[in-house]
Every structure is written in structure tokens, then in C-alpha cells.
Amino acid sequence: MTRDISQNAAQRIAQRFPGLAAEAAPAGIVVPAESLLEIAAFLKENPDLALDYLAAITAVDYLDHFEVVYHMTSITHNHSLMLKVRLPGRENLALPSLTSLWQGADLQEREVYDLMGIAFSGHPNMKRVLLWDGFQGHPLRKDFIYEPS
């Protein structure tokens, strides 16, 4: 089992990015969307953190906002971190893709796009992965209503 490094990572992010509004939450760190790629690169490349494995990406619909959640692990140090990004609203939701840092983000970002409607800019192949191209809507959103044709 890995140990959580949320508090330590939050302090390191604050030192590396002064003035950045990174919030240490009980279950991880919440960072601004516009800083996601830069912070993720720091978490991966910093030798003391070395979060070299992106275990999972998922999203949560809170009706008034979405959260995209990244579960990261360091194989070297046996610790883990949950990084979260909040996206207000329900339309035109986008984050930068992390595929340039972790190839494993490819399929997971496509799944989040397909089921929740959150796009990832800079993704090499941003298209549906589970549903067909003509499918209307995103079925894991709380406001999704299936209307068969």
C-alpha cells in the first residue's frame, strides 16, 4: 500500500509556484485548470516526488461544476497523490492533455471525454472510445436523459 503525500506535495507546489492557488483538500490537492500541465510535469519530474505512474483519470459531476481527478503513484518512493481540477459550468469544458507526460493518459482522457463531455486540448486523438460517433450527449452526466430514436 502506498502512503499519501498530499500535504508534502502541496507544500512543494507552493514553493515551486508561488502565488498559485493550490488547495490541499482532505483527499488530495486541488489545482487551477490553467496550471495543470505545468504542475503535473513538476510532480512527475521532481526527484523527491517522482510521481511516474498515472494510475487513473476520472471525473465527477456535481451539477454546478465538474472535478477531474488524477490518481498518481511513485513506483520508486511507494507514495501516491490525488490531484483534482475543478471546472465550473456545464458547457465547453476542457483541460490540457497529459499524454505528453504519461502515455497512459490517452485512453483515459478519451473515456472522460466520451462519458462526461470534458475535452483535453492537445490530445493526439480526441474522439469517442466507448460510444459511436453519432451518439448524442455524455451518459455519465447527471443531467443526461436517454431518448431512443
C-alpha atoms as a PDB file:
ATOM      1  CA  MET A   1       0.000   0.000   0.000  1.00  0.00           C
ATOM      2  CA  THR A   2       1.268   3.447  -0.860  1.00  0.00           C
ATOM      3  CA  ARG A   3       1.313   6.391   1.516  1.00  0.00           C
ATOM      4  CA  ASP A   4      -0.470   9.648   0.744  1.00  0.00           C
ATOM      5  CA  ILE A   5       1.784  12.673   0.212  1.00  0.00           C
ATOM      6  CA  SER A   6      -0.882  15.355  -0.258  1.00  0.00           C
ATOM      7  CA  GLN A   7       0.415  17.726   2.424  1.00  0.00           C
ATOM      8  CA  ASN A   8       4.063  17.389   1.380  1.00  0.00           C
ATOM      9  CA  ALA A   9       3.220  17.791  -2.313  1.00  0.00           C
ATOM     10  CA  ALA A  10       1.025  20.838  -1.600  1.00  0.00           C
ATOM     11  CA  GLN A  11       3.954  22.499   0.201  1.00  0.00           C
ATOM     12  CA  ARG A  12       6.330  21.706  -2.657  1.00  0.00           C
ATOM     13  CA  ILE A  13       3.861  23.064  -5.218  1.00  0.00           C
ATOM     14  CA  ALA A  14       3.504  26.275  -3.165  1.00  0.00           C
ATOM     15  CA  GLN A  15       7.308  26.646  -3.062  1.00  0.00           C
ATOM     16  CA  ARG A  16       7.756  25.955  -6.778  1.00  0.00           C
ATOM     17  CA  PHE A  17       4.765  28.049  -7.915  1.00  0.00           C
ATOM     18  CA  PRO A  18       4.432  30.998  -5.514  1.00  0.00           C
ATOM     19  CA  GLY A  19       1.047  32.701  -5.681  1.00  0.00           C
ATOM     20  CA  LEU A  20      -0.629  29.690  -7.242  1.00  0.00           C
ATOM     21  CA  ALA A  21      -3.914  28.795  -5.593  1.00  0.00           C
ATOM     22  CA  ALA A  22      -3.311  25.085  -4.878  1.00  0.00           C
ATOM     23  CA  GLU A  23      -5.684  23.867  -2.207  1.00  0.00           C
ATOM     24  CA  ALA A  24      -4.746  20.900  -0.018  1.00  0.00           C
ATOM     25  CA  ALA A  25      -8.011  19.015   0.427  1.00  0.00           C
ATOM     26  CA  PRO A  26      -8.507  16.019   2.747  1.00  0.00           C
ATOM     27  CA  ALA A  27      -8.282  13.664  -0.212  1.00  0.00           C
ATOM     28  CA  GLY A  28      -5.696  15.295  -2.446  1.00  0.00           C
ATOM     29  CA  ILE A  29      -4.749  18.634  -3.932  1.00  0.00           C
ATOM     30  CA  VAL A  30      -6.992  20.922  -5.991  1.00  0.00           C
ATOM     31  CA  VAL A  31      -5.143  22.962  -8.618  1.00  0.00           C
ATOM     32  CA  PRO A  32      -6.317  25.513 -11.195  1.00  0.00           C
ATOM     33  CA  ALA A  33      -7.033  24.178 -14.675  1.00  0.00           C
ATOM     34  CA  GLU A  34      -4.671  26.608 -16.389  1.00  0.00           C
ATOM     35  CA  SER A  35      -1.719  25.287 -14.328  1.00  0.00           C
ATOM     36  CA  LEU A  36      -2.485  21.564 -14.620  1.00  0.00           C
ATOM     37  CA  LEU A  37       0.136  20.614 -17.216  1.00  0.00           C
ATOM     38  CA  GLU A  38       2.913  22.560 -15.512  1.00  0.00           C
ATOM     39  CA  ILE A  39       2.087  21.159 -12.056  1.00  0.00           C
ATOM     40  CA  ALA A  40       1.748  17.600 -13.365  1.00  0.00           C
ATOM     41  CA  ALA A  41       5.161  17.865 -15.036  1.00  0.00           C
ATOM     42  CA  PHE A  42       6.651  19.121 -11.765  1.00  0.00           C
ATOM     43  CA  LEU A  43       5.097  16.246  -9.802  1.00  0.00           C
ATOM     44  CA  LYS A  44       6.481  13.717 -12.266  1.00  0.00           C
ATOM     45  CA  GLU A  45       9.953  15.206 -12.741  1.00  0.00           C
ATOM     46  CA  ASN A  46      10.781  16.292  -9.177  1.00  0.00           C
ATOM     47  CA  PRO A  47      13.113  13.545  -7.871  1.00  0.00           C
ATOM     48  CA  ASP A  48      11.668  13.687  -4.335  1.00  0.00           C
ATOM     49  CA  LEU A  49       8.118  13.212  -5.617  1.00  0.00           C
ATOM     50  CA  ALA A  50       8.720  11.203  -8.816  1.00  0.00           C
ATOM     51  CA  LEU A  51       5.040  10.516  -9.495  1.00  0.00           C
ATOM     52  CA  ASP A  52       5.938   8.451 -12.527  1.00  0.00           C
ATOM     53  CA  TYR A  53       2.776   6.354 -12.880  1.00  0.00           C
ATOM     54  CA  LEU A  54      -0.634   7.786 -13.755  1.00  0.00           C
ATOM     55  CA  ALA A  55      -2.926   5.100 -12.368  1.00  0.00           C
ATOM     56  CA  ALA A  56      -6.312   6.593 -13.225  1.00  0.00           C
ATOM     57  CA  ILE A  57      -8.189   9.615 -14.533  1.00  0.00           C
ATOM     58  CA  THR A  58     -11.851  10.065 -13.782  1.00  0.00           C
ATOM     59  CA  ALA A  59     -14.412  12.847 -13.474  1.00  0.00           C
ATOM     60  CA  VAL A  60     -17.220  13.657 -11.054  1.00  0.00           C
ATOM     61  CA  ASP A  61     -20.346  15.656 -11.907  1.00  0.00           C
ATOM     62  CA  TYR A  62     -21.505  17.897  -9.031  1.00  0.00           C
ATOM     63  CA  LEU A  63     -24.200  19.582 -11.179  1.00  0.00           C
ATOM     64  CA  ASP A  64     -22.754  23.092 -10.663  1.00  0.00           C
ATOM     65  CA  HIS A  65     -19.208  22.014 -11.526  1.00  0.00           C
ATOM     66  CA  PHE A  66     -17.094  19.034 -12.552  1.00  0.00           C
ATOM     67  CA  GLU A  67     -13.947  17.667 -10.967  1.00  0.00           C
ATOM     68  CA  VAL A  68     -11.373  15.762 -12.960  1.00  0.00           C
ATOM     69  CA  VAL A  69      -9.391  13.501 -10.646  1.00  0.00           C
ATOM     70  CA  TYR A  70      -5.903  12.161 -11.355  1.00  0.00           C
ATOM     71  CA  HIS A  71      -4.507   9.282  -9.267  1.00  0.00           C
ATOM     72  CA  MET A  72      -0.704   9.354  -9.425  1.00  0.00           C
ATOM     73  CA  THR A  73       1.803   6.940  -7.888  1.00  0.00           C
ATOM     74  CA  SER A  74       5.556   6.874  -7.435  1.00  0.00           C
ATOM     75  CA  ILE A  75       6.882   3.393  -8.066  1.00  0.00           C
ATOM     76  CA  THR A  76      10.287   4.493  -6.741  1.00  0.00           C
ATOM     77  CA  HIS A  77       9.116   6.019  -3.442  1.00  0.00           C
ATOM     78  CA  ASN A  78       5.914   3.979  -2.887  1.00  0.00           C
ATOM     79  CA  HIS A  79       3.705   7.010  -2.363  1.00  0.00           C
ATOM     80  CA  SER A  80       0.640   8.357  -4.108  1.00  0.00           C
ATOM     81  CA  LEU A  81      -1.293  11.539  -4.667  1.00  0.00           C
ATOM     82  CA  MET A  82      -4.746  12.510  -5.851  1.00  0.00           C
ATOM     83  CA  LEU A  83      -4.714  15.681  -7.951  1.00  0.00           C
ATOM     84  CA  LYS A  84      -8.032  17.399  -8.714  1.00  0.00           C
ATOM     85  CA  VAL A  85      -9.099  20.149 -11.094  1.00  0.00           C
ATOM     86  CA  ARG A  86     -12.479  21.886 -10.769  1.00  0.00           C
ATOM     87  CA  LEU A  87     -14.280  23.025 -13.894  1.00  0.00           C
ATOM     88  CA  PRO A  88     -17.229  25.405 -13.420  1.00  0.00           C
ATOM     89  CA  GLY A  89     -20.290  25.218 -15.624  1.00  0.00           C
ATOM     90  CA  ARG A  90     -21.507  22.524 -17.996  1.00  0.00           C
ATOM     91  CA  GLU A  91     -20.544  23.690 -21.490  1.00  0.00           C
ATOM     92  CA  ASN A  92     -17.248  23.834 -23.391  1.00  0.00           C
ATOM     93  CA  LEU A  93     -15.292  22.072 -20.649  1.00  0.00           C
ATOM     94  CA  ALA A  94     -11.624  21.481 -21.439  1.00  0.00           C
ATOM     95  CA  LEU A  95      -8.298  20.740 -19.797  1.00  0.00           C
ATOM     96  CA  PRO A  96      -4.821  20.332 -21.241  1.00  0.00           C
ATOM     97  CA  SER A  97      -3.974  16.745 -22.132  1.00  0.00           C
ATOM     98  CA  LEU A  98      -1.377  14.932 -20.036  1.00  0.00           C
ATOM     99  CA  THR A  99      -0.494  12.469 -22.809  1.00  0.00           C
ATOM    100  CA  SER A 100       2.835  14.259 -23.312  1.00  0.00           C
ATOM    101  CA  LEU A 101       3.768  13.242 -19.747  1.00  0.00           C
ATOM    102  CA  TRP A 102       2.087   9.836 -19.429  1.00  0.00           C
ATOM    103  CA  GLN A 103       1.101   7.798 -22.480  1.00  0.00           C
ATOM    104  CA  GLY A 104      -1.418   6.013 -20.269  1.00  0.00           C
ATOM    105  CA  ALA A 105      -3.488   9.213 -20.197  1.00  0.00           C
ATOM    106  CA  ASP A 106      -4.502   8.652 -23.828  1.00  0.00           C
ATOM    107  CA  LEU A 107      -7.327   6.161 -23.396  1.00  0.00           C
ATOM    108  CA  GLN A 108      -8.421   7.528 -20.011  1.00  0.00           C
ATOM    109  CA  GLU A 109      -8.826  11.093 -21.307  1.00  0.00           C
ATOM    110  CA  ARG A 110     -10.840   9.765 -24.238  1.00  0.00           C
ATOM    111  CA  GLU A 111     -13.100   7.874 -21.819  1.00  0.00           C
ATOM    112  CA  VAL A 112     -13.694  11.009 -19.714  1.00  0.00           C
ATOM    113  CA  TYR A 113     -14.468  12.939 -22.907  1.00  0.00           C
ATOM    114  CA  ASP A 114     -16.830  10.246 -24.157  1.00  0.00           C
ATOM    115  CA  LEU A 115     -18.799   9.747 -20.949  1.00  0.00           C
ATOM    116  CA  MET A 116     -18.620  13.199 -19.303  1.00  0.00           C
ATOM    117  CA  GLY A 117     -18.017  15.635 -22.174  1.00  0.00           C
ATOM    118  CA  ILE A 118     -14.733  17.101 -20.915  1.00  0.00           C
ATOM    119  CA  ALA A 119     -12.277  17.626 -23.783  1.00  0.00           C
ATOM    120  CA  PHE A 120      -8.489  17.547 -23.461  1.00  0.00           C
ATOM    121  CA  SER A 121      -6.677  20.085 -25.621  1.00  0.00           C
ATOM    122  CA  GLY A 122      -3.508  18.808 -27.244  1.00  0.00           C
ATOM    123  CA  HIS A 123      -4.708  15.197 -27.135  1.00  0.00           C
ATOM    124  CA  PRO A 124      -3.421  13.291 -30.195  1.00  0.00           C
ATOM    125  CA  ASN A 125      -6.748  11.523 -30.925  1.00  0.00           C
ATOM    126  CA  MET A 126      -9.625  13.184 -29.051  1.00  0.00           C
ATOM    127  CA  LYS A 127     -12.626  11.149 -30.140  1.00  0.00           C
ATOM    128  CA  ARG A 128     -15.140   8.803 -28.572  1.00  0.00           C
ATOM    129  CA  VAL A 129     -13.774   5.480 -27.374  1.00  0.00           C
ATOM    130  CA  LEU A 130     -16.816   3.629 -25.959  1.00  0.00           C
ATOM    131  CA  LEU A 131     -19.775   5.101 -27.835  1.00  0.00           C
ATOM    132  CA  TRP A 132     -20.272   5.577 -31.556  1.00  0.00           C
ATOM    133  CA  ASP A 133     -19.550   8.892 -33.260  1.00  0.00           C
ATOM    134  CA  GLY A 134     -23.215   9.812 -33.787  1.00  0.00           C
ATOM    135  CA  PHE A 135     -24.184   9.308 -30.141  1.00  0.00           C
ATOM    136  CA  GLN A 136     -25.739  12.454 -28.669  1.00  0.00           C
ATOM    137  CA  GLY A 137     -24.681  13.531 -25.182  1.00  0.00           C
ATOM    138  CA  HIS A 138     -22.491  12.120 -22.441  1.00  0.00           C
ATOM    139  CA  PRO A 139     -24.197   9.366 -20.429  1.00  0.00           C
ATOM    140  CA  LEU A 140     -22.418   9.755 -17.074  1.00  0.00           C
ATOM    141  CA  ARG A 141     -23.542  13.345 -16.634  1.00  0.00           C
ATOM    142  CA  LYS A 142     -26.253  13.760 -14.026  1.00  0.00           C
ATOM    143  CA  ASP A 143     -28.443  15.711 -16.452  1.00  0.00           C
ATOM    144  CA  PHE A 144     -28.229  13.098 -19.241  1.00  0.00           C
ATOM    145  CA  ILE A 145     -31.544  11.721 -20.447  1.00  0.00           C
ATOM    146  CA  TYR A 146     -31.522   8.834 -22.882  1.00  0.00           C
ATOM    147  CA  GLU A 147     -34.072   9.196 -25.649  1.00  0.00           C
ATOM    148  CA  PRO A 148     -34.011   6.238 -28.025  1.00  0.00           C
ATOM    149  CA  SER A 149     -34.724   7.102 -31.623  1.00  0.00           C
END
